[in-house]
Amino acid sequence: MITKFKTSITLLVVLLSFSLFAQNRQLDNYRQPDKNGVNVFEAPKDSVSTFNGVKVRIGGSSTLQFQAIDQENSGDTELAAIGSNFNLATANLDLDVALYDGVRMHLRTYLSSRHHHEPYVKGGYFQIDKLDFISEGFLEDFMKNVTIKIGHMETNYGDAHFRRTDNAQAIFNPFVGNLIMDAFTTEVGAELYYNTNKGLFAMVGFTNGKLNQSVTESNGSTGGASFIAKLGYDKQLNDDLRLRLTGSVYNTGYVPNSYLYAADRGGSRYYSVLQDADATGDNFRSGRYNPAFGNKISAIMINPFVKYKGLEFFGTFETASGNAIGAEERTATQLAGELIYRFGKNENLFVGARYNTVDADDTSGEDITINRTQLGAGWFMTKNILIKAEYVNQTYDGFTAGSLYDDAKFNGLMLEAVISF
């Protein structure tokens, strides 16, 4: 019955999309899901309103990769055999609705992903840029600089999540894979943004710190709370030069289990790499590293972004620490730097390189290091269609002798086609 209901809803949405396709799809204070959204971070804040009634924007994305990766380890733990072929196609469905002047809703559903082959909701939120629904002009001067987001949503920790692949939404990512330590989670909470219109901005937010929502108690509690904050500067200094620098914090006093580096159900783009031959399950986080801090976590991320004409640099410095109840605190540090050159008509072509390294106190007690190099290129055939190629090389060092990751590495070619609208 549940499957039939999901199928019926999906068909209804598809049919509805045909009737709405010819409508104006522009929304206020909205990051476009196509090439126009590249190098956009938080949704733009514009006090000019175009609202003239409820408007539904139906969009989505789909991706398909061809994978040709080789792998090896010390040989003491046998790896599952992998070859060259296509991966599972992934797809998203997005509903964005202008509900009132200054009030918008976003909802994303994963139609297919590595973790779930059937549709399920990723999350959604209300975005409030005006309070006219209370009374016309209510706190008008204050709201010219303020945005409020409320929902079960992707938290705004760091800037790397704006450039990462979110299941099928891969058009913002100049590479195929995300970072090794992929900071991403969806939690119930609220965020308040303040923009000065001079480049400076700040955000503060609170969530319940939980990925899987439940009223069930663990250790005498249903959970705790997470504090999130960001301070940044983002300015187009002249026609050629843009500078952005942000610092973010994520702090949880106590949660049943922290998912900051393990919440992505869309999964890694490197399918089945370094998987135990005897393991069961889909191993959808293959190629990533989760420090598994447990009940408490404190993380800081700093991201510089510089774009001069077609050349851009994006960096990540991240340090995180945490521990499970009764265990000693462990730490993990991540560095990443990517250099992209965009060229051609409207910068429709690009080439780039990224270096990513993680040093961590592993749960095994070992001090481990993971290094990754990515070389990539891409072509925007249209603003909605992108094809990418990537060579990836990832190595593991310091893991327990004879373990799965002992002297492990994988490398090879990834090809990816992306549609987003």
Protein backbone atom coordinates (compact mmCIF):
# COMPACT_ATOMS: atom_id res chain seq x y z
CA MET A 1 0.00 0.00 0.00
CA ILE A 2 2.83 2.41 0.89
CA THR A 3 4.58 1.67 -2.39
CA LYS A 4 1.38 2.31 -4.37
CA PHE A 5 0.86 5.58 -2.50
CA LYS A 6 4.41 6.74 -3.28
CA THR A 7 3.98 5.81 -6.92
CA SER A 8 0.69 7.69 -7.15
CA ILE A 9 2.19 10.82 -5.59
CA THR A 10 5.17 10.69 -7.95
CA LEU A 11 2.92 10.34 -11.01
CA LEU A 12 0.73 13.19 -9.78
CA VAL A 13 3.74 15.46 -9.41
CA VAL A 14 5.04 14.53 -12.87
CA LEU A 15 1.67 15.27 -14.46
CA LEU A 16 1.40 18.53 -12.55
CA SER A 17 4.84 19.56 -13.77
CA PHE A 18 3.66 19.51 -17.38
CA SER A 19 0.88 21.96 -16.59
CA LEU A 20 3.27 24.29 -14.78
CA PHE A 21 6.23 24.01 -17.13
CA ALA A 22 5.36 27.09 -19.16
CA GLN A 23 5.00 29.31 -16.10
CA ASN A 24 7.58 31.80 -14.87
CA ARG A 25 9.88 29.73 -12.66
CA GLN A 26 11.76 32.60 -11.01
CA LEU A 27 11.45 32.90 -7.24
CA ASP A 28 12.58 35.62 -4.83
CA ASN A 29 15.71 35.11 -2.73
CA TYR A 30 16.44 31.78 -4.39
CA ARG A 31 19.58 29.94 -5.50
CA GLN A 32 19.05 28.71 -9.03
CA PRO A 33 19.58 24.91 -9.36
CA ASP A 34 21.41 25.22 -12.71
CA LYS A 35 24.67 26.83 -13.85
CA ASN A 36 23.42 30.18 -12.54
CA GLY A 37 23.75 28.74 -9.02
CA VAL A 38 27.46 27.92 -9.34
CA ASN A 39 29.54 29.84 -6.77
CA VAL A 40 26.36 30.98 -5.01
CA PHE A 41 26.42 30.16 -1.32
CA GLU A 42 23.57 31.33 0.92
CA ALA A 43 20.45 32.31 -1.01
CA PRO A 44 20.68 35.98 -2.09
CA LYS A 45 18.84 38.57 -0.02
CA ASP A 46 16.80 41.00 -2.14
CA SER A 47 14.09 43.14 -0.62
CA VAL A 48 12.40 43.64 -4.02
CA SER A 49 9.32 41.42 -4.15
CA THR A 50 7.74 39.82 -7.22
CA PHE A 51 5.04 37.94 -5.28
CA ASN A 52 1.60 37.96 -6.92
CA GLY A 53 0.10 34.79 -5.50
CA VAL A 54 1.10 31.27 -4.58
CA LYS A 55 3.59 29.88 -7.12
CA VAL A 56 4.86 26.30 -7.27
CA ARG A 57 8.23 25.61 -8.88
CA ILE A 58 8.81 21.93 -9.64
CA GLY A 59 12.41 21.04 -10.37
CA GLY A 60 14.84 18.21 -10.00
CA SER A 61 18.10 16.64 -11.00
CA SER A 62 19.50 13.34 -12.19
CA THR A 63 23.01 11.94 -12.57
CA LEU A 64 24.73 8.92 -14.03
CA GLN A 65 28.38 7.89 -13.67
CA PHE A 66 30.71 5.49 -15.40
CA GLN A 67 33.29 4.17 -12.95
CA ALA A 68 36.64 2.60 -13.77
CA ILE A 69 38.53 2.34 -10.48
CA ASP A 70 41.24 -0.06 -9.30
CA GLN A 71 41.88 -0.84 -5.64
CA GLU A 72 44.27 -2.72 -3.37
CA ASN A 73 45.31 -3.20 0.24
CA SER A 74 47.90 -5.28 2.12
CA GLY A 75 45.99 -8.42 1.18
CA ASP A 76 45.33 -9.66 4.73
CA THR A 77 41.66 -8.67 4.36
CA GLU A 78 40.17 -9.63 1.00
CA LEU A 79 38.49 -6.86 -0.96
CA ALA A 80 35.24 -7.28 -2.88
CA ALA A 81 36.00 -7.47 -6.60
CA ILE A 82 34.96 -4.41 -8.63
CA GLY A 83 35.21 -3.66 -12.35
CA SER A 84 34.32 -0.94 -14.83
CA ASN A 85 30.68 -0.14 -15.52
CA PHE A 86 27.83 2.31 -14.88
CA ASN A 87 26.60 3.09 -11.36
CA LEU A 88 23.00 3.38 -10.25
CA ALA A 89 21.39 6.53 -11.69
CA THR A 90 20.32 8.90 -8.92
CA ALA A 91 17.50 11.46 -9.01
CA ASN A 92 16.06 14.28 -6.88
CA LEU A 93 12.67 15.98 -6.91
CA ASP A 94 12.48 19.59 -5.64
CA LEU A 95 9.39 21.54 -4.70
CA ASP A 96 9.88 25.26 -4.09
CA VAL A 97 6.76 27.25 -3.29
CA ALA A 98 6.22 30.98 -2.85
CA LEU A 99 3.53 30.88 -0.15
CA TYR A 100 3.26 34.56 0.71
CA ASP A 101 5.13 37.79 0.14
CA GLY A 102 8.54 37.02 1.66
CA VAL A 103 7.73 33.41 2.65
CA ARG A 104 9.02 30.43 0.65
CA MET A 105 9.07 26.68 1.20
CA HIS A 106 11.67 24.17 -0.05
CA LEU A 107 11.28 20.38 -0.05
CA ARG A 108 13.73 17.88 -1.54
CA THR A 109 12.95 14.20 -2.12
CA TYR A 110 15.55 11.64 -3.14
CA LEU A 111 13.84 9.56 -5.81
CA SER A 112 16.76 7.12 -5.89
CA SER A 113 20.04 7.04 -3.98
CA ARG A 114 22.74 4.65 -2.84
CA HIS A 115 21.19 4.21 0.60
CA HIS A 116 17.55 3.96 -0.52
CA HIS A 117 16.48 2.83 -3.95
CA GLU A 118 12.94 4.01 -3.26
CA PRO A 119 11.82 7.66 -2.86
CA TYR A 120 12.13 9.33 0.55
CA VAL A 121 12.28 12.91 1.81
CA LYS A 122 15.70 14.43 2.48
CA GLY A 123 14.26 17.49 4.28
CA GLY A 124 12.79 20.92 3.83
CA TYR A 125 12.35 24.35 5.37
CA PHE A 126 10.47 27.63 5.42
CA GLN A 127 12.48 30.70 4.43
CA ILE A 128 11.13 33.99 5.78
CA ASP A 129 12.39 37.29 4.33
CA LYS A 130 9.41 39.43 5.37
CA LEU A 131 6.96 39.39 8.27
CA ASP A 132 4.03 40.89 6.36
CA PHE A 133 1.98 37.78 7.18
CA ILE A 134 1.81 39.15 10.75
CA SER A 135 0.87 42.63 9.57
CA GLU A 136 1.92 44.66 6.56
CA GLY A 137 5.26 46.34 7.14
CA PHE A 138 5.89 44.52 10.45
CA LEU A 139 9.57 45.06 11.43
CA GLU A 140 10.17 46.13 7.83
CA ASP A 141 13.48 47.91 8.46
CA PHE A 142 14.85 44.98 10.45
CA MET A 143 13.81 42.37 7.89
CA LYS A 144 15.58 44.22 5.07
CA ASN A 145 18.75 42.63 6.44
CA VAL A 146 17.38 39.44 8.01
CA THR A 147 16.44 35.98 6.75
CA ILE A 148 14.98 33.23 8.94
CA LYS A 149 14.99 29.52 8.06
CA ILE A 150 13.00 26.92 10.02
CA GLY A 151 12.64 23.23 9.28
CA HIS A 152 14.12 19.74 9.21
CA MET A 153 16.90 20.88 6.98
CA GLU A 154 20.52 20.83 5.88
CA THR A 155 22.45 22.85 8.44
CA ASN A 156 24.64 25.73 7.27
CA TYR A 157 27.91 24.56 8.80
CA GLY A 158 30.86 25.66 6.66
CA ASP A 159 30.89 26.59 2.97
CA ALA A 160 31.96 23.22 1.55
CA HIS A 161 28.38 21.92 1.64
CA PHE A 162 27.37 24.55 -0.95
CA ARG A 163 29.80 22.99 -3.46
CA ARG A 164 29.20 19.33 -2.63
CA THR A 165 27.08 16.83 -4.53
CA ASP A 166 23.70 16.29 -2.83
CA ASN A 167 22.64 12.91 -4.22
CA ALA A 168 21.65 13.86 -7.79
CA GLN A 169 22.25 17.62 -7.43
CA ALA A 170 25.84 17.59 -8.69
CA ILE A 171 25.92 20.65 -10.93
CA PHE A 172 27.58 22.89 -8.30
CA ASN A 173 30.44 20.44 -7.70
CA PRO A 174 33.37 20.85 -10.13
CA PHE A 175 34.51 17.33 -9.18
CA VAL A 176 32.71 13.99 -8.95
CA GLY A 177 33.45 13.16 -5.29
CA ASN A 178 32.87 15.22 -2.15
CA LEU A 179 35.45 15.77 0.60
CA ILE A 180 36.85 12.77 2.49
CA MET A 181 35.33 13.98 5.77
CA ASP A 182 32.00 15.11 4.31
CA ALA A 183 30.36 17.51 6.78
CA PHE A 184 26.64 17.33 6.09
CA THR A 185 23.61 16.68 8.26
CA THR A 186 19.86 17.36 8.32
CA GLU A 187 18.43 18.32 11.71
CA VAL A 188 15.34 20.05 13.07
CA GLY A 189 16.12 23.64 13.92
CA ALA A 190 16.19 27.30 12.96
CA GLU A 191 18.79 29.71 11.57
CA LEU A 192 18.80 33.51 11.56
CA TYR A 193 20.91 35.43 9.01
CA TYR A 194 21.92 39.08 9.16
CA ASN A 195 23.40 40.81 6.08
CA THR A 196 24.95 44.27 6.29
CA ASN A 197 24.81 44.93 2.51
CA LYS A 198 28.51 45.79 2.78
CA GLY A 199 29.81 42.24 2.43
CA LEU A 200 29.69 41.28 6.10
CA PHE A 201 27.13 38.73 7.26
CA ALA A 202 26.45 36.49 10.23
CA MET A 203 24.32 33.47 11.02
CA VAL A 204 23.32 31.84 14.28
CA GLY A 205 21.23 28.71 14.65
CA PHE A 206 20.09 25.94 16.95
CA THR A 207 18.98 22.39 16.15
CA ASN A 208 18.02 19.32 18.15
CA GLY A 209 21.25 17.65 16.95
CA LYS A 210 19.48 14.54 15.65
CA LEU A 211 19.45 13.02 12.18
CA ASN A 212 16.82 10.37 12.97
CA GLN A 213 13.95 12.06 14.75
CA SER A 214 12.51 10.12 17.67
CA VAL A 215 10.98 10.62 21.13
CA THR A 216 12.70 7.46 22.42
CA GLU A 217 15.09 8.10 25.30
CA SER A 218 18.75 7.10 25.31
CA ASN A 219 20.71 7.34 28.57
CA GLY A 220 17.70 9.04 30.12
CA SER A 221 17.33 11.72 27.43
CA THR A 222 15.65 12.13 24.04
CA GLY A 223 18.63 14.18 22.87
CA GLY A 224 20.37 17.49 23.27
CA ALA A 225 20.93 20.52 21.11
CA SER A 226 23.45 21.75 18.58
CA PHE A 227 24.68 25.32 18.21
CA ILE A 228 25.69 26.54 14.75
CA ALA A 229 27.17 29.90 13.81
CA LYS A 230 28.89 31.49 10.84
CA LEU A 231 30.62 34.83 10.32
CA GLY A 232 31.76 35.90 6.89
CA TYR A 233 32.69 38.49 4.32
CA ASP A 234 31.65 38.16 0.67
CA LYS A 235 32.24 41.02 -1.76
CA GLN A 236 32.59 41.55 -5.50
CA LEU A 237 35.46 44.02 -5.18
CA ASN A 238 35.47 44.91 -8.87
CA ASP A 239 34.41 43.40 -12.20
CA ASP A 240 37.22 40.83 -12.06
CA LEU A 241 37.76 40.03 -8.38
CA ARG A 242 35.50 38.44 -5.77
CA LEU A 243 36.60 37.61 -2.23
CA ARG A 244 34.79 35.51 0.35
CA LEU A 245 36.03 34.31 3.74
CA THR A 246 33.91 32.53 6.35
CA GLY A 247 34.37 30.82 9.69
CA SER A 248 31.80 28.36 11.05
CA VAL A 249 31.28 26.43 14.27
CA TYR A 250 29.16 23.40 15.10
CA ASN A 251 28.90 22.34 18.74
CA THR A 252 26.83 19.63 20.37
CA GLY A 253 26.82 19.18 24.12
CA TYR A 254 25.13 15.79 23.94
CA VAL A 255 23.23 13.78 21.33
CA PRO A 256 22.48 10.04 21.19
CA ASN A 257 24.87 9.81 18.24
CA SER A 258 26.55 12.53 16.18
CA TYR A 259 26.00 12.19 12.42
CA LEU A 260 27.85 15.30 11.21
CA TYR A 261 30.17 13.17 9.05
CA ALA A 262 27.83 10.26 8.38
CA ALA A 263 24.41 11.77 7.62
CA ASP A 264 24.48 11.75 3.82
CA ARG A 265 22.08 9.03 2.66
CA GLY A 266 22.84 9.93 -0.95
CA GLY A 267 26.17 8.21 -0.46
CA SER A 268 29.66 8.44 -1.89
CA ARG A 269 30.33 8.66 -5.63
CA TYR A 270 33.04 5.98 -5.41
CA TYR A 271 30.92 2.85 -5.44
CA SER A 272 32.06 -0.28 -3.54
CA VAL A 273 35.69 0.79 -3.16
CA LEU A 274 37.67 -0.86 -0.34
CA GLN A 275 34.77 -3.04 0.72
CA ASP A 276 35.35 -6.26 2.64
CA ALA A 277 34.58 -9.24 0.41
CA ASP A 278 32.57 -10.81 3.26
CA ALA A 279 30.69 -7.63 4.22
CA THR A 280 26.94 -7.30 3.80
CA GLY A 281 25.01 -4.10 3.14
CA ASP A 282 25.37 -1.38 0.54
CA ASN A 283 28.48 0.32 2.05
CA PHE A 284 27.11 3.61 0.74
CA ARG A 285 29.82 5.71 2.45
CA SER A 286 32.68 3.96 0.63
CA GLY A 287 35.70 6.19 0.10
CA ARG A 288 34.79 8.60 2.91
CA TYR A 289 35.97 8.78 6.51
CA ASN A 290 33.72 9.20 9.55
CA PRO A 291 35.62 9.93 12.80
CA ALA A 292 32.59 8.57 14.70
CA PHE A 293 32.88 10.88 17.68
CA GLY A 294 29.73 9.57 19.34
CA ASN A 295 27.74 11.73 21.75
CA LYS A 296 29.68 15.00 21.76
CA ILE A 297 31.27 16.97 18.95
CA SER A 298 32.84 20.39 18.45
CA ALA A 299 33.90 21.44 14.95
CA ILE A 300 35.31 24.55 13.29
CA MET A 301 35.58 25.15 9.54
CA ILE A 302 37.27 28.06 7.76
CA ASN A 303 36.70 28.56 4.02
CA PRO A 304 38.43 31.11 1.78
CA PHE A 305 37.10 31.65 -1.74
CA VAL A 306 38.80 33.89 -4.31
CA LYS A 307 37.72 34.32 -7.92
CA TYR A 308 39.75 36.45 -10.33
CA LYS A 309 38.24 36.43 -13.80
CA GLY A 310 38.06 32.71 -14.72
CA LEU A 311 40.44 31.50 -12.01
CA GLU A 312 39.05 30.50 -8.62
CA PHE A 313 40.40 29.01 -5.40
CA PHE A 314 38.31 27.39 -2.69
CA GLY A 315 39.89 26.12 0.51
CA THR A 316 38.83 24.20 3.60
CA PHE A 317 40.49 24.06 6.99
CA GLU A 318 38.53 21.98 9.47
CA THR A 319 39.26 20.69 12.95
CA ALA A 320 36.83 18.58 14.96
CA SER A 321 36.89 16.78 18.28
CA GLY A 322 34.49 14.68 20.28
CA ASN A 323 33.92 11.58 22.30
CA ALA A 324 31.39 8.99 23.32
CA ILE A 325 30.23 8.86 26.94
CA GLY A 326 33.04 7.50 29.09
CA ALA A 327 35.63 7.61 26.27
CA GLU A 328 38.60 9.89 25.78
CA GLU A 329 38.28 12.83 23.40
CA ARG A 330 39.60 12.27 19.90
CA THR A 331 40.41 14.81 17.17
CA ALA A 332 40.40 14.99 13.38
CA THR A 333 41.80 17.64 11.05
CA GLN A 334 40.96 18.12 7.39
CA LEU A 335 42.63 20.31 4.78
CA ALA A 336 41.45 20.78 1.20
CA GLY A 337 42.33 23.14 -1.58
CA GLU A 338 40.90 23.31 -5.08
CA LEU A 339 41.96 25.44 -8.02
CA ILE A 340 39.50 25.82 -10.89
CA TYR A 341 39.90 27.63 -14.20
CA ARG A 342 36.68 28.43 -16.06
CA PHE A 343 36.89 29.53 -19.68
CA GLY A 344 35.08 29.54 -23.02
CA LYS A 345 31.79 31.21 -23.82
CA ASN A 346 30.13 32.20 -20.52
CA GLU A 347 32.71 30.02 -18.71
CA ASN A 348 31.03 26.87 -19.98
CA LEU A 349 34.28 24.89 -19.76
CA PHE A 350 36.50 24.28 -16.76
CA VAL A 351 39.51 22.30 -15.57
CA GLY A 352 40.67 21.91 -12.00
CA ALA A 353 42.55 20.07 -9.30
CA ARG A 354 41.83 19.36 -5.64
CA TYR A 355 44.06 18.04 -2.86
CA ASN A 356 42.36 16.73 0.28
CA THR A 357 43.97 15.24 3.40
CA VAL A 358 42.62 14.02 6.76
CA ASP A 359 44.62 13.28 9.93
CA ALA A 360 42.66 11.70 12.76
CA ASP A 361 42.77 9.74 15.99
CA ASP A 362 40.90 6.68 14.76
CA THR A 363 38.52 4.60 16.87
CA SER A 364 41.12 1.81 16.60
CA GLY A 365 43.55 3.95 18.60
CA GLU A 366 45.79 4.54 15.59
CA ASP A 367 46.84 7.93 14.24
CA ILE A 368 45.71 7.66 10.61
CA THR A 369 46.14 9.74 7.45
CA ILE A 370 44.07 9.68 4.26
CA ASN A 371 45.21 11.61 1.18
CA ARG A 372 43.25 12.24 -2.00
CA THR A 373 44.13 13.95 -5.28
CA GLN A 374 41.44 14.78 -7.85
CA LEU A 375 41.98 16.10 -11.37
CA GLY A 376 38.83 17.15 -13.17
CA ALA A 377 37.32 18.81 -16.21
CA GLY A 378 33.78 19.73 -17.22
CA TRP A 379 31.57 21.13 -19.95
CA PHE A 380 28.23 22.89 -19.47
CA MET A 381 26.47 21.81 -22.65
CA THR A 382 23.61 24.08 -21.56
CA LYS A 383 22.94 25.79 -18.25
CA ASN A 384 21.04 22.65 -17.19
CA ILE A 385 23.37 19.93 -18.54
CA LEU A 386 26.90 19.24 -17.32
CA ILE A 387 29.32 16.46 -18.15
CA LYS A 388 32.39 15.90 -15.96
CA ALA A 389 35.49 13.72 -15.95
CA GLU A 390 37.71 13.06 -12.95
CA TYR A 391 40.83 11.11 -12.13
CA VAL A 392 41.02 10.23 -8.42
CA ASN A 393 43.83 8.76 -6.33
CA GLN A 394 43.28 8.04 -2.62
CA THR A 395 45.73 6.45 -0.17
CA TYR A 396 45.44 5.27 3.45
CA ASP A 397 48.26 5.27 6.01
CA GLY A 398 48.57 4.30 9.69
CA PHE A 399 45.67 1.87 9.90
CA THR A 400 45.99 -1.31 11.96
CA ALA A 401 48.14 -3.99 10.33
CA GLY A 402 46.01 -6.57 8.56
CA SER A 403 42.89 -4.41 8.64
CA LEU A 404 40.78 -3.50 5.62
CA TYR A 405 42.59 -0.16 5.14
CA ASP A 406 46.13 -1.40 5.80
CA ASP A 407 48.26 -0.01 2.92
CA ALA A 408 45.03 0.56 1.01
CA LYS A 409 44.47 2.77 -2.00
CA PHE A 410 42.16 3.22 -4.94
CA ASN A 411 42.54 5.19 -8.16
CA GLY A 412 40.95 5.53 -11.54
CA LEU A 413 38.56 7.41 -13.79
CA MET A 414 35.05 8.71 -13.15
CA LEU A 415 32.71 10.14 -15.81
CA GLU A 416 29.50 11.86 -14.74
CA ALA A 417 26.52 13.37 -16.57
CA VAL A 418 24.30 15.81 -14.65
CA ILE A 419 20.92 17.32 -15.43
CA SER A 420 19.48 19.95 -13.08
CA PHE A 421 16.54 22.28 -13.57
